Every structure is written in structure tokens, then in C-alpha cells.
Amino acid sequence: MPERSLVVGGVTPFTTIDFPGRLAAVVFCQGCPWRCTYCHNPHLLPSRVPGARPWAEVQAWLETRRGLLDGVVFSGGEPLLQRGLAAAVSTAREMEFAVGLHTGGVYPERLADLLPLLDWVGFDVKAPFDDYGRVTGAGGGHAARASLQHLLASGRCHELRCTVDPALLDAQALGRMAKDLASLGARKLVLQGCRRDGVGLGPIDPERIRAVTDTGIEVELRGA
């Protein structure tokens, strides 16, 4: 990735659900080092694709949204993969937008450096930290744990969420994951239903939910 450029895979011009409490646009950053089987945006996985939207074009469009939108969310893919993210975030702040980030925590030090510029973080927890490879295909639990430590220590507003694929996360695994989170000081977790090939896999069963709440973590349920 060039140091100063952001490769944009797409833009959602208006959302009320991707940045709590804000009317926002979503900038989807191209590229992700993980290969989660239930990935919602598989077209964003390659680092480069023909026809990716130039950041300068997106920036010019955001100028026309000043006073109409409250915020900009950088999503993906994995936004922290791109070295141009910090400059893009700074630009959005200079336009007086609040800035949110969706991340899996792949790059802890990059997240730590960026946190002072962020108003909110949506953090995707994949599995117990010692078992990330089963979901991501590439490990990453140590990095995710370090990133979450940075996030919780920063005091930034955030949401922790986990997509529950019943083939990958049984009640025991969810209980272990919740213990990991509780040990770091997390207090709430959103459990999201999983979709595969556009089809929901059904509601999350009570045993899995109970495995999380038994650790003292508050649970919010969200449909697939």
C-alpha cells in the first residue's frame, strides 16, 4: 500500500446504524489479511482491485456533505491495513465530521496511534483469543487481544460484537471468549446472527447466550 493513499472499495452515502447516534457515511477500505468464512464483504478482501475509487474523489464528495452528515465511518475489509488511513481520518476530522472505525484489531500499534483521532470504534471479536485461526484462517488472536487492551485503556466509546457462526462457535467457545473479554474489563458484547451466501443461519440459541452472560458480560442480540 502506498503510504499516503487510501484504496476505497465503496461508499455508503447515508447510514443510521453503522455509527451509533450519528447520521454518517461509510467508507469501505479495500483489503483484509483475514479470511473469515462468513465475511459480509468478500469483494473487499483483495488489497487492490480494478476500478477502486480514489480517496481524492471520496474526499471531494464528503466536502459536499458538510452540514448534512454528522460522521464518517471507515470500514472494510480491514481499514488498519492501509497506511493512508491516518491521513484520511485526519482529513475527515478537519471537515468537522465525527469519525468512527470498524476493525478486527489486526494491527494493535496502528490502532493505538489512531485512537486519539477517533470518536467511536466498532470492534469485531472473532473467537477465544487462543483459537482465532479457526475463524480467520490466519490466527491473529494475540493481535486482537492487544488491540482490545489499547481500546479499553483509551476510554473511547466503542462497541464489541461477535458474529456467531454455529459451525465455529459452540457454547463452550463463546464462554471462553467471554471470559477473555471480562478479564480485560469488557462489560458488554453484541452477539450477531450469522449469514452465509445471503441466508441467515437462524437465531442464536439460549445455551450460547447463557454461556456469555454467565461470565457477567451483558449481551445485546442483533439479527443477521
Protein backbone atom coordinates (compact mmCIF):
# COMPACT_ATOMS: atom_id res chain seq x y z
CA MET A 1 0.00 0.00 0.00
CA PRO A 2 1.34 3.47 -0.83
CA GLU A 3 1.99 5.42 2.34
CA ARG A 4 -0.33 8.30 1.53
CA SER A 5 -3.13 6.78 -0.47
CA LEU A 6 -6.33 5.12 0.66
CA VAL A 7 -7.79 2.46 -1.63
CA VAL A 8 -11.58 2.73 -1.35
CA GLY A 9 -13.72 -0.24 -2.34
CA GLY A 10 -17.05 1.57 -1.99
CA VAL A 11 -19.07 4.19 -0.14
CA THR A 12 -22.45 4.06 1.58
CA PRO A 13 -23.64 7.68 1.40
CA PHE A 14 -26.03 7.55 4.35
CA THR A 15 -26.46 5.27 7.35
CA THR A 16 -28.10 5.48 10.75
CA ILE A 17 -26.87 2.10 12.01
CA ASP A 18 -23.09 1.96 11.43
CA PHE A 19 -22.15 4.81 13.81
CA PRO A 20 -24.40 4.94 16.90
CA GLY A 21 -26.11 8.26 17.36
CA ARG A 22 -24.79 9.73 14.11
CA LEU A 23 -26.00 10.26 10.57
CA ALA A 24 -22.94 9.04 8.73
CA ALA A 25 -21.34 7.90 5.51
CA VAL A 26 -19.36 4.67 5.38
CA VAL A 27 -16.06 4.49 3.51
CA PHE A 28 -15.17 0.85 2.77
CA CYS A 29 -11.42 0.34 2.70
CA GLN A 30 -10.06 -2.31 0.35
CA GLY A 31 -8.06 -5.24 1.70
CA CYS A 32 -8.03 -7.61 4.68
CA PRO A 33 -5.41 -10.16 5.85
CA TRP A 34 -8.05 -12.47 7.34
CA ARG A 35 -10.37 -14.86 5.56
CA CYS A 36 -13.38 -15.34 7.83
CA THR A 37 -15.73 -17.86 6.24
CA TYR A 38 -18.83 -15.72 6.88
CA CYS A 39 -17.29 -12.46 5.63
CA HIS A 40 -20.04 -10.00 4.71
CA ASN A 41 -17.85 -8.11 2.19
CA PRO A 42 -15.70 -10.72 0.40
CA HIS A 43 -15.18 -8.37 -2.55
CA LEU A 44 -13.13 -6.17 -0.22
CA LEU A 45 -10.63 -8.88 0.74
CA PRO A 46 -8.04 -8.31 -2.04
CA SER A 47 -5.77 -5.35 -1.34
CA ARG A 48 -6.24 -3.97 -4.84
CA VAL A 49 -8.99 -4.35 -7.40
CA PRO A 50 -9.59 -2.67 -10.78
CA GLY A 51 -11.86 0.35 -10.52
CA ALA A 52 -11.26 1.09 -6.84
CA ARG A 53 -12.48 4.58 -6.01
CA PRO A 54 -9.75 7.20 -5.46
CA TRP A 55 -9.71 8.74 -1.97
CA ALA A 56 -9.44 12.22 -3.53
CA GLU A 57 -12.80 11.65 -5.22
CA VAL A 58 -14.39 10.49 -1.96
CA GLN A 59 -12.87 13.45 -0.14
CA ALA A 60 -14.37 15.87 -2.67
CA TRP A 61 -17.77 14.22 -2.24
CA LEU A 62 -17.53 14.47 1.55
CA GLU A 63 -16.99 18.21 1.18
CA THR A 64 -20.49 18.40 -0.33
CA ARG A 65 -21.92 16.59 2.73
CA ARG A 66 -20.63 19.06 5.31
CA GLY A 67 -23.54 20.19 7.45
CA LEU A 68 -25.67 17.30 6.19
CA LEU A 69 -23.88 14.36 7.81
CA ASP A 70 -22.57 14.07 11.36
CA GLY A 71 -19.86 11.50 10.82
CA VAL A 72 -17.73 9.25 8.64
CA VAL A 73 -17.09 5.58 9.39
CA PHE A 74 -14.05 3.81 7.96
CA SER A 75 -14.93 0.15 7.48
CA GLY A 76 -13.71 -2.71 5.34
CA GLY A 77 -12.12 -5.03 4.73
CA GLU A 78 -9.73 -4.06 7.49
CA PRO A 79 -9.10 -0.29 7.41
CA LEU A 80 -5.95 -0.52 9.53
CA LEU A 81 -4.28 -2.49 6.73
CA GLN A 82 -3.85 0.76 4.82
CA ARG A 83 -1.11 3.16 5.85
CA GLY A 84 -3.07 6.04 4.35
CA LEU A 85 -5.86 5.61 6.89
CA ALA A 86 -4.50 8.05 9.48
CA ALA A 87 -4.25 10.85 6.93
CA ALA A 88 -7.79 10.14 5.70
CA VAL A 89 -9.13 10.17 9.27
CA SER A 90 -7.36 13.49 9.92
CA THR A 91 -8.89 14.92 6.76
CA ALA A 92 -12.38 13.86 7.83
CA ARG A 93 -11.86 15.49 11.22
CA GLU A 94 -10.67 18.70 9.54
CA MET A 95 -14.02 18.70 7.72
CA GLU A 96 -15.63 18.65 11.18
CA PHE A 97 -17.01 15.12 10.89
CA ALA A 98 -17.02 12.77 13.85
CA VAL A 99 -15.00 9.68 12.88
CA GLY A 100 -15.76 6.03 13.57
CA LEU A 101 -13.77 2.89 12.78
CA HIS A 102 -14.79 -0.73 12.23
CA THR A 103 -11.87 -3.08 12.91
CA GLY A 104 -10.96 -6.60 13.89
CA GLY A 105 -7.85 -5.38 15.69
CA VAL A 106 -5.33 -6.89 13.29
CA TYR A 107 -2.70 -4.18 13.85
CA PRO A 108 -2.50 -3.15 17.52
CA GLU A 109 0.08 -0.39 17.26
CA ARG A 110 -1.66 1.25 14.32
CA LEU A 111 -4.89 1.24 16.30
CA ALA A 112 -3.15 2.70 19.36
CA ASP A 113 -1.73 5.55 17.25
CA LEU A 114 -5.12 6.24 15.66
CA LEU A 115 -7.31 6.13 18.78
CA PRO A 116 -6.80 9.82 19.74
CA LEU A 117 -8.38 10.78 16.39
CA LEU A 118 -11.43 8.53 16.75
CA ASP A 119 -14.82 9.21 18.33
CA TRP A 120 -16.07 5.62 18.28
CA VAL A 121 -14.81 2.12 17.45
CA GLY A 122 -16.80 -0.95 16.43
CA PHE A 123 -14.54 -3.89 17.37
CA ASP A 124 -15.21 -7.34 15.93
CA VAL A 125 -14.28 -10.17 18.29
CA LYS A 126 -13.93 -13.43 16.36
CA ALA A 127 -13.39 -16.20 18.92
CA PRO A 128 -11.45 -17.01 22.08
CA PHE A 129 -8.10 -15.33 21.59
CA ASP A 130 -6.24 -18.65 21.55
CA ASP A 131 -8.48 -20.04 18.80
CA TYR A 132 -8.71 -17.25 16.21
CA GLY A 133 -7.33 -19.34 13.37
CA ARG A 134 -10.48 -21.45 13.23
CA VAL A 135 -12.45 -18.34 12.19
CA THR A 136 -9.89 -16.09 10.46
CA GLY A 137 -7.85 -18.77 8.72
CA ALA A 138 -4.74 -16.84 9.75
CA GLY A 139 -4.56 -16.70 13.55
CA GLY A 140 -4.47 -13.17 14.93
CA GLY A 141 -5.75 -13.71 18.46
CA HIS A 142 -2.68 -12.19 20.09
CA ALA A 143 -3.01 -9.07 17.95
CA ALA A 144 -6.74 -8.78 18.63
CA ARG A 145 -6.17 -9.08 22.37
CA ALA A 146 -3.51 -6.35 22.31
CA SER A 147 -5.76 -4.10 20.22
CA LEU A 148 -8.65 -4.56 22.61
CA GLN A 149 -6.40 -3.67 25.52
CA HIS A 150 -5.46 -0.43 23.76
CA LEU A 151 -9.12 0.33 23.04
CA LEU A 152 -10.37 -0.30 26.57
CA ALA A 153 -7.49 1.67 28.11
CA SER A 154 -8.20 4.65 25.85
CA GLY A 155 -11.70 5.22 27.22
CA ARG A 156 -13.01 5.73 23.66
CA CYS A 157 -16.67 4.98 23.03
CA HIS A 158 -16.91 1.55 21.45
CA GLU A 159 -19.00 -1.50 20.68
CA LEU A 160 -17.71 -5.06 20.96
CA ARG A 161 -19.53 -7.51 18.72
CA CYS A 162 -19.18 -11.12 17.67
CA THR A 163 -20.73 -12.86 14.69
CA VAL A 164 -21.90 -16.27 15.91
CA ASP A 165 -21.42 -18.94 13.26
CA PRO A 166 -22.88 -22.06 14.90
CA ALA A 167 -20.42 -24.25 12.99
CA LEU A 168 -17.45 -22.40 14.51
CA LEU A 169 -18.55 -21.14 17.93
CA ASP A 170 -20.36 -23.52 20.28
CA ALA A 171 -21.43 -22.57 23.79
CA GLN A 172 -18.10 -23.62 25.28
CA ALA A 173 -16.13 -21.48 22.85
CA LEU A 174 -18.37 -18.47 23.49
CA GLY A 175 -17.95 -18.93 27.22
CA ARG A 176 -14.16 -18.95 26.87
CA MET A 177 -14.31 -15.89 24.67
CA ALA A 178 -16.49 -14.03 27.17
CA LYS A 179 -14.02 -14.89 29.96
CA ASP A 180 -11.23 -13.44 27.82
CA LEU A 181 -13.21 -10.23 27.38
CA ALA A 182 -14.20 -9.98 31.03
CA SER A 183 -10.56 -10.42 32.11
CA LEU A 184 -9.69 -7.30 30.09
CA GLY A 185 -12.51 -5.27 31.62
CA ALA A 186 -15.15 -5.56 28.90
CA ARG A 187 -18.71 -5.31 30.15
CA LYS A 188 -20.97 -5.70 27.11
CA LEU A 189 -20.98 -7.76 23.91
CA VAL A 190 -23.27 -7.67 20.88
CA LEU A 191 -23.95 -11.15 19.52
CA GLN A 192 -24.81 -11.03 15.83
CA GLY A 193 -26.58 -13.75 13.91
CA CYS A 194 -24.56 -15.19 11.03
CA ARG A 195 -25.43 -15.15 7.33
CA ARG A 196 -23.92 -17.39 4.70
CA ASP A 197 -24.50 -16.83 0.99
CA GLY A 198 -27.05 -14.20 1.92
CA VAL A 199 -29.11 -16.55 4.08
CA GLY A 200 -29.42 -16.19 7.86
CA LEU A 201 -28.47 -19.27 9.87
CA GLY A 202 -31.20 -18.74 12.43
CA PRO A 203 -31.37 -17.15 15.88
CA ILE A 204 -28.62 -17.62 18.43
CA ASP A 205 -29.71 -20.36 20.81
CA PRO A 206 -30.20 -19.75 24.56
CA GLU A 207 -27.31 -22.03 25.56
CA ARG A 208 -24.81 -19.91 23.66
CA ILE A 209 -26.26 -16.70 25.08
CA ARG A 210 -26.17 -18.09 28.60
CA ALA A 211 -22.53 -19.11 28.19
CA VAL A 212 -21.70 -15.42 27.74
CA THR A 213 -23.98 -13.93 30.38
CA ASP A 214 -22.75 -16.44 32.97
CA THR A 215 -19.38 -14.65 32.88
CA GLY A 216 -21.01 -11.35 33.84
CA ILE A 217 -20.92 -9.89 30.32
CA GLU A 218 -24.10 -8.11 29.28
CA VAL A 219 -25.45 -9.34 25.93
CA GLU A 220 -27.29 -7.49 23.19
CA LEU A 221 -28.71 -9.57 20.35
CA ARG A 222 -28.69 -8.38 16.78
CA GLY A 223 -30.20 -10.13 13.78
CA ALA A 224 -28.17 -11.40 10.84
